Each structure stands twice: as C-alpha cells, then as structure tokens.
C-alpha cells in the first residue's frame, strides 16, 4: 500500500474537518430519526413511558381498523391529483408568456409571481385565505354584487378541499422559474427552421418546446408531487381537517396522532407508509419517463 505523504494526510484531515458539520447533521437529523421512527413503528409509545414492542399491531390497525386513515389518504390523493397538474399548467403558461415577450420589467414580473411561493405556505396567508372564503368573506361579497347567494365554502365537504387546491395552485412561482429557465435553453435554431417550414405556434409548441423541456417537466412533476403529499398548513390552519374529514390531509392526521393523542408508535407507522407510498409513485414515474422524456444525449445530438 502506498504510504501517504505528510501533505496528503494534512489535506485529508482538513477535508474531513470541513465536511464534518454536514456529516454530523446528516446523521443526527436524517439517519437517526429515520432509524428511530422505523423502530417506533413496531412499538406502543406515548412519549411519557418507554416504548413497548407490539410487532405489526400498528400496521394491522392502520389498514383494518382506522377509517380516518383511509379518509386522510383519500383526501390527500384528491388534493395531489388535482393540485399538481393545475399548478404545473399555470406555471408553464406563465413561463411561456415570459419567454415569448422581452420586457425591461420582466425581472419585476418574475418576482411578483414568485412571491406567492414564498409566503403562500405561511400561517398568515392561511388565516387570510380562511377569511377570504368565509361566509362573510370577499368571495361571497363579490357574488352578492351579481345577485348570487354565497355559501359556506369551507364548511361544505363538496367545496372545502377545492379552496385549499386553489391556494396551492396560486403558489406556482417556484416551478414557473424552473420552466422559464428551461424555455430559455431551447435552441433558437430549431424554432427558425420550423418557422421556415411553415410550422405555426401550436405546431412548434407541440413538436419543439414541450419535447425539449420534458426533463424539466419530470423534475417539476416529482418535486411537486412530493410537496403535495407533505401539505400541512392549509388543512391545519384553514379547515382543521373538516368538514367530515374532507380536507384531513395525511400529514395533519399523522401530526395529531403523534402530538395530540401521544401515539408516537402509530404515527411512526403512518410516516413510513407515506414514505413507501411516495417512493413507489416516484419509481413508477421514473419508469414511465423513458417513454415521454427526451434526453438530447441519448439521441446523439
């Protein structure tokens, strides 16, 4: 084995010293909580006493005895299925408009549209949103101008979750910026060649723009899907999971089990189920991406 020189040892030592904060943080805040929660998922643990091993009891209870678990899963899936596509569509359309128009105020517009992504998930915005859609809120006041009788948007199981979806869609600034960066990278020569061949706007959009940014669409899709399954503030602040559990998001139910009911073992089982579910969905999306995502390197361009 080749003997390390003194300078090489010094460089390695300095490297480990500089990277040690990240390693310590990764082990303390990622690896240790993951292993601990996996262990707790097979226990009965109320924080105040020592964990007691119960085997698969938490998992069996979750799938066979807990109707609210299914209500939370159903509400979360409904939220993700509608919120993610709508947010990506709005983000893409706004990014497309910005990419087509040159303006000195473009940076200002981008900042304005990005602000909801920064503040949209805050408690303050959630409280404002609750007032806007309340019985005496702005929405009902506007409807009354046109002679339309308002309704209790947040108190009706048919409409409550849609108000939360609208709030989430409004926060499309982050994927919009990523789409905009991708659109700027599409080679102009392709558009010029298509224009000379007589291709119109929609033809260029379908055959050049969308195929060229499919890797970014894949990234945004997975990122937003994970973000959707982690939704918490909207449900917890605006509707408290009601009415009739129609907006009981999975993260809220898991939080209540852990910190309201002090069932940490059961909450850990819920967390690991969600982790496995998101992992499976991510793998499925990756597998199907081979059919619709275009990578230039694979085509030898």
Protein backbone atom coordinates (compact mmCIF):
# COMPACT_ATOMS: atom_id res chain seq x y z
CA UNK A 1 0.00 0.00 0.00
CA UNK A 2 1.33 3.40 -0.95
CA UNK A 3 2.32 5.48 2.08
CA UNK A 4 0.58 8.85 2.31
CA UNK A 5 2.78 11.88 2.39
CA UNK A 6 2.55 14.38 5.20
CA UNK A 7 0.92 16.96 2.93
CA UNK A 8 -1.59 14.39 1.68
CA UNK A 9 -2.54 13.46 5.27
CA UNK A 10 -2.93 17.14 6.09
CA UNK A 11 -5.20 17.66 3.07
CA UNK A 12 -7.36 14.65 4.01
CA UNK A 13 -7.63 15.84 7.60
CA UNK A 14 -8.68 19.32 6.52
CA UNK A 15 -11.20 17.80 4.12
CA UNK A 16 -12.79 15.71 6.88
CA UNK A 17 -12.86 18.72 9.21
CA UNK A 18 -14.66 20.88 6.66
CA UNK A 19 -17.19 18.19 5.71
CA UNK A 20 -17.77 17.02 9.29
CA UNK A 21 -20.61 19.54 10.05
CA UNK A 22 -22.63 18.17 7.12
CA UNK A 23 -21.93 14.55 8.10
CA UNK A 24 -22.89 15.20 11.73
CA UNK A 25 -26.07 17.00 10.66
CA UNK A 26 -26.97 14.22 8.19
CA UNK A 27 -26.50 11.50 10.81
CA UNK A 28 -28.24 13.46 13.59
CA UNK A 29 -31.21 14.89 11.68
CA UNK A 30 -31.77 12.35 8.88
CA UNK A 31 -30.34 8.90 9.60
CA UNK A 32 -31.00 8.76 13.35
CA UNK A 33 -34.66 9.97 13.12
CA UNK A 34 -35.31 7.54 10.25
CA UNK A 35 -33.98 4.54 12.14
CA UNK A 36 -35.73 5.64 15.34
CA UNK A 37 -39.10 6.10 13.65
CA UNK A 38 -38.79 2.71 11.95
CA UNK A 39 -38.18 1.12 15.35
CA UNK A 40 -41.04 3.07 16.96
CA UNK A 41 -43.45 1.94 14.22
CA UNK A 42 -43.33 -1.52 15.81
CA UNK A 43 -43.93 -0.22 19.33
CA UNK A 44 -46.56 1.38 21.52
CA UNK A 45 -45.00 4.66 22.66
CA UNK A 46 -46.70 7.61 24.36
CA UNK A 47 -43.57 9.74 24.95
CA UNK A 48 -44.02 9.60 28.75
CA UNK A 49 -43.12 5.92 29.14
CA UNK A 50 -40.69 3.53 27.48
CA UNK A 51 -41.60 2.05 24.07
CA UNK A 52 -43.23 -1.39 24.22
CA UNK A 53 -42.78 -3.78 21.30
CA UNK A 54 -46.14 -4.66 19.67
CA UNK A 55 -44.92 -6.18 16.40
CA UNK A 56 -47.12 -5.36 13.40
CA UNK A 57 -50.09 -4.24 15.52
CA UNK A 58 -49.79 -0.60 14.39
CA UNK A 59 -49.71 -1.61 10.74
CA UNK A 60 -52.66 -4.02 11.08
CA UNK A 61 -54.67 -1.36 12.91
CA UNK A 62 -53.84 1.19 10.23
CA UNK A 63 -55.13 -0.91 7.34
CA UNK A 64 -58.04 -2.74 9.00
CA UNK A 65 -59.41 -0.67 11.90
CA UNK A 66 -58.69 3.02 11.26
CA UNK A 67 -61.31 4.62 8.99
CA UNK A 68 -59.76 8.07 9.47
CA UNK A 69 -56.51 6.76 7.99
CA UNK A 70 -58.38 5.95 4.78
CA UNK A 71 -60.20 9.31 4.90
CA UNK A 72 -56.86 11.12 5.20
CA UNK A 73 -55.30 9.07 2.40
CA UNK A 74 -58.30 9.71 0.13
CA UNK A 75 -58.30 13.47 0.83
CA UNK A 76 -54.54 13.72 0.25
CA UNK A 77 -54.72 11.79 -3.02
CA UNK A 78 -57.55 14.01 -4.26
CA UNK A 79 -55.54 17.09 -3.34
CA UNK A 80 -52.39 15.84 -5.12
CA UNK A 81 -54.21 14.57 -8.24
CA UNK A 82 -55.78 17.98 -8.92
CA UNK A 83 -53.27 20.37 -7.37
CA UNK A 84 -50.10 19.11 -9.04
CA UNK A 85 -51.30 19.18 -12.69
CA UNK A 86 -53.05 22.55 -12.24
CA UNK A 87 -50.00 24.12 -10.61
CA UNK A 88 -47.68 22.82 -13.34
CA UNK A 89 -50.02 24.00 -16.12
CA UNK A 90 -50.27 27.51 -14.66
CA UNK A 91 -46.52 27.61 -14.06
CA UNK A 92 -45.80 26.55 -17.63
CA UNK A 93 -48.26 29.00 -19.20
CA UNK A 94 -46.87 31.97 -17.27
CA UNK A 95 -43.29 30.90 -18.02
CA UNK A 96 -44.19 30.53 -21.71
CA UNK A 97 -45.64 34.06 -21.81
CA UNK A 98 -42.49 35.44 -20.15
CA UNK A 99 -40.25 33.57 -22.59
CA UNK A 100 -42.10 34.97 -25.61
CA UNK A 101 -42.04 38.59 -24.53
CA UNK A 102 -38.99 40.74 -23.92
CA UNK A 103 -39.52 43.49 -21.38
CA UNK A 104 -37.40 45.61 -19.08
CA UNK A 105 -39.89 44.78 -16.32
CA UNK A 106 -39.52 41.03 -16.80
CA UNK A 107 -37.48 40.60 -13.61
CA UNK A 108 -40.12 42.55 -11.67
CA UNK A 109 -42.92 40.36 -13.06
CA UNK A 110 -40.98 37.20 -12.19
CA UNK A 111 -40.52 38.45 -8.62
CA UNK A 112 -44.22 39.28 -8.32
CA UNK A 113 -45.27 35.83 -9.48
CA UNK A 114 -42.67 34.15 -7.27
CA UNK A 115 -43.74 35.88 -4.05
CA UNK A 116 -46.76 33.55 -3.50
CA UNK A 117 -44.33 30.60 -3.42
CA UNK A 118 -42.50 32.25 -0.53
CA UNK A 119 -45.49 33.33 1.54
CA UNK A 120 -48.26 31.04 0.30
CA UNK A 121 -47.48 28.27 2.77
CA UNK A 122 -47.25 30.60 5.75
CA UNK A 123 -49.71 30.69 8.64
CA UNK A 124 -50.55 34.34 7.90
CA UNK A 125 -51.67 33.57 4.34
CA UNK A 126 -53.66 30.58 5.59
CA UNK A 127 -55.53 32.85 8.01
CA UNK A 128 -56.17 35.39 5.25
CA UNK A 129 -57.39 32.60 2.95
CA UNK A 130 -59.81 31.44 5.63
CA UNK A 131 -61.25 34.94 5.85
CA UNK A 132 -61.49 35.30 2.06
CA UNK A 133 -63.52 32.08 1.69
CA UNK A 134 -65.52 32.52 4.89
CA UNK A 135 -69.27 33.08 4.98
CA UNK A 136 -68.70 36.82 5.33
CA UNK A 137 -65.61 36.81 3.12
CA UNK A 138 -64.68 38.62 -0.05
CA UNK A 139 -65.80 35.82 -2.38
CA UNK A 140 -69.39 35.84 -1.12
CA UNK A 141 -69.36 39.66 -1.12
CA UNK A 142 -68.37 39.70 -4.80
CA UNK A 143 -71.00 37.11 -5.67
CA UNK A 144 -73.67 39.18 -3.94
CA UNK A 145 -72.92 42.08 -6.30
CA UNK A 146 -74.17 39.90 -9.17
CA UNK A 147 -77.16 38.69 -7.18
CA UNK A 148 -75.64 35.28 -6.46
CA UNK A 149 -76.14 33.92 -2.98
CA UNK A 150 -72.90 32.88 -1.38
CA UNK A 151 -72.27 29.70 0.54
CA UNK A 152 -70.14 28.31 3.32
CA UNK A 153 -67.22 27.29 1.12
CA UNK A 154 -65.10 25.96 3.97
CA UNK A 155 -67.99 24.26 5.76
CA UNK A 156 -69.26 22.25 2.79
CA UNK A 157 -67.49 18.90 2.12
CA UNK A 158 -68.07 19.40 -1.61
CA UNK A 159 -66.17 22.70 -1.83
CA UNK A 160 -63.78 22.84 1.13
CA UNK A 161 -60.90 20.94 -0.46
CA UNK A 162 -61.17 22.99 -3.66
CA UNK A 163 -60.40 26.17 -1.73
CA UNK A 164 -57.21 24.51 -0.49
CA UNK A 165 -56.35 23.37 -4.01
CA UNK A 166 -56.77 26.95 -5.27
CA UNK A 167 -54.43 28.22 -2.58
CA UNK A 168 -51.83 25.61 -3.55
CA UNK A 169 -52.16 26.34 -7.27
CA UNK A 170 -51.63 30.04 -6.55
CA UNK A 171 -48.14 29.16 -5.29
CA UNK A 172 -46.83 28.26 -8.76
CA UNK A 173 -43.87 30.64 -8.70
CA UNK A 174 -41.16 28.09 -7.98
CA UNK A 175 -41.92 25.65 -10.84
CA UNK A 176 -42.58 28.68 -13.05
CA UNK A 177 -39.00 29.90 -12.65
CA UNK A 178 -37.67 26.41 -13.43
CA UNK A 179 -39.85 26.21 -16.56
CA UNK A 180 -38.69 29.67 -17.60
CA UNK A 181 -35.03 28.69 -17.28
CA UNK A 182 -35.69 25.58 -19.37
CA UNK A 183 -37.55 27.51 -22.07
CA UNK A 184 -34.62 29.92 -22.37
CA UNK A 185 -32.32 26.96 -23.10
CA UNK A 186 -34.28 25.68 -26.11
CA UNK A 187 -32.10 26.39 -29.21
CA UNK A 188 -33.47 29.24 -31.33
CA UNK A 189 -32.27 27.46 -34.48
CA UNK A 190 -34.98 24.83 -34.05
CA UNK A 191 -37.73 27.47 -33.99
CA UNK A 192 -36.22 29.27 -37.01
CA UNK A 193 -36.07 26.04 -39.03
CA UNK A 194 -39.66 25.14 -38.06
CA UNK A 195 -40.83 28.67 -38.92
CA UNK A 196 -39.24 28.43 -42.38
CA UNK A 197 -41.03 25.09 -42.91
CA UNK A 198 -44.33 26.82 -42.14
CA UNK A 199 -44.95 25.47 -38.65
CA UNK A 200 -47.33 27.61 -36.61
CA UNK A 201 -47.17 28.45 -32.92
CA UNK A 202 -49.04 25.35 -31.71
CA UNK A 203 -47.04 23.07 -34.01
CA UNK A 204 -43.76 24.49 -32.67
CA UNK A 205 -45.05 24.18 -29.12
CA UNK A 206 -46.01 20.52 -29.57
CA UNK A 207 -43.00 19.37 -31.59
CA UNK A 208 -40.16 21.51 -30.21
CA UNK A 209 -40.92 23.28 -26.94
CA UNK A 210 -42.60 20.50 -24.97
CA UNK A 211 -40.25 17.67 -26.06
CA UNK A 212 -37.17 19.81 -25.30
CA UNK A 213 -38.25 20.59 -21.74
CA UNK A 214 -39.56 17.14 -20.80
CA UNK A 215 -36.63 16.53 -18.37
CA UNK A 216 -37.67 19.69 -16.51
CA UNK A 217 -41.33 18.62 -16.59
CA UNK A 218 -40.27 15.33 -15.00
CA UNK A 219 -38.30 17.16 -12.31
CA UNK A 220 -41.16 19.54 -11.53
CA UNK A 221 -43.70 16.69 -11.53
CA UNK A 222 -41.81 14.64 -8.95
CA UNK A 223 -40.90 17.68 -6.87
CA UNK A 224 -44.47 18.98 -6.76
CA UNK A 225 -45.93 15.53 -6.12
CA UNK A 226 -43.74 15.11 -3.04
CA UNK A 227 -44.62 18.65 -1.97
CA UNK A 228 -48.32 17.84 -2.38
CA UNK A 229 -48.18 14.77 -0.17
CA UNK A 230 -46.42 16.87 2.50
CA UNK A 231 -49.14 19.57 2.54
CA UNK A 232 -49.95 20.55 6.09
CA UNK A 233 -50.52 24.24 6.83
CA UNK A 234 -53.55 24.70 4.58
CA UNK A 235 -55.52 21.90 6.18
CA UNK A 236 -54.32 22.51 9.74
CA UNK A 237 -54.99 26.27 9.81
CA UNK A 238 -57.84 26.85 7.37
CA UNK A 239 -60.19 23.88 7.82
CA UNK A 240 -58.67 21.84 10.68
CA UNK A 241 -59.26 18.77 8.51
CA UNK A 242 -63.03 19.29 8.30
CA UNK A 243 -65.78 19.17 7.40
CA UNK A 244 -66.31 15.41 7.78
CA UNK A 245 -62.58 14.78 7.20
CA UNK A 246 -62.93 16.01 3.60
CA UNK A 247 -59.72 18.08 3.99
CA UNK A 248 -57.93 15.90 6.52
CA UNK A 249 -54.51 15.73 4.91
CA UNK A 250 -52.26 12.82 5.75
CA UNK A 251 -49.58 14.98 7.38
CA UNK A 252 -52.17 16.61 9.65
CA UNK A 253 -53.60 13.25 10.72
CA UNK A 254 -50.09 11.94 11.39
CA UNK A 255 -49.26 15.04 13.46
CA UNK A 256 -52.43 14.69 15.54
CA UNK A 257 -51.74 11.03 16.24
CA UNK A 258 -48.21 11.83 17.36
CA UNK A 259 -48.59 15.08 19.29
CA UNK A 260 -52.28 15.28 20.24
CA UNK A 261 -53.00 11.63 21.02
CA UNK A 262 -49.39 10.81 22.01
CA UNK A 263 -49.39 7.68 19.84
CA UNK A 264 -45.86 8.05 18.56
CA UNK A 265 -45.59 4.40 17.57
CA UNK A 266 -48.70 4.59 15.42
CA UNK A 267 -47.63 7.98 13.97
CA UNK A 268 -44.28 6.43 13.01
CA UNK A 269 -46.08 3.63 11.16
CA UNK A 270 -48.15 6.27 9.34
CA UNK A 271 -44.97 8.13 8.39
CA UNK A 272 -43.29 5.02 7.00
CA UNK A 273 -46.37 4.12 4.98
CA UNK A 274 -46.34 7.58 3.39
CA UNK A 275 -42.60 7.32 2.71
CA UNK A 276 -43.09 3.96 1.00
CA UNK A 277 -46.08 5.25 -0.99
CA UNK A 278 -44.24 8.33 -2.27
CA UNK A 279 -41.21 6.19 -3.09
CA UNK A 280 -43.33 3.75 -5.13
CA UNK A 281 -45.06 6.57 -7.03
CA UNK A 282 -41.69 8.18 -7.75
CA UNK A 283 -40.32 4.90 -9.12
CA UNK A 284 -43.41 4.47 -11.33
CA UNK A 285 -42.99 7.98 -12.73
CA UNK A 286 -39.31 7.34 -13.39
CA UNK A 287 -40.10 4.05 -15.14
CA UNK A 288 -42.75 5.65 -17.39
CA UNK A 289 -40.49 8.63 -18.09
CA UNK A 290 -38.50 6.53 -20.56
CA UNK A 291 -41.48 6.77 -22.91
CA UNK A 292 -42.07 10.51 -22.75
CA UNK A 293 -38.91 12.24 -21.55
CA UNK A 294 -36.46 13.31 -24.25
CA UNK A 295 -32.76 13.47 -23.46
CA UNK A 296 -30.54 15.03 -26.10
CA UNK A 297 -27.51 12.89 -25.17
CA UNK A 298 -29.46 9.66 -25.80
CA UNK A 299 -30.35 10.84 -29.29
CA UNK A 300 -26.71 11.63 -30.10
CA UNK A 301 -27.41 15.29 -30.86
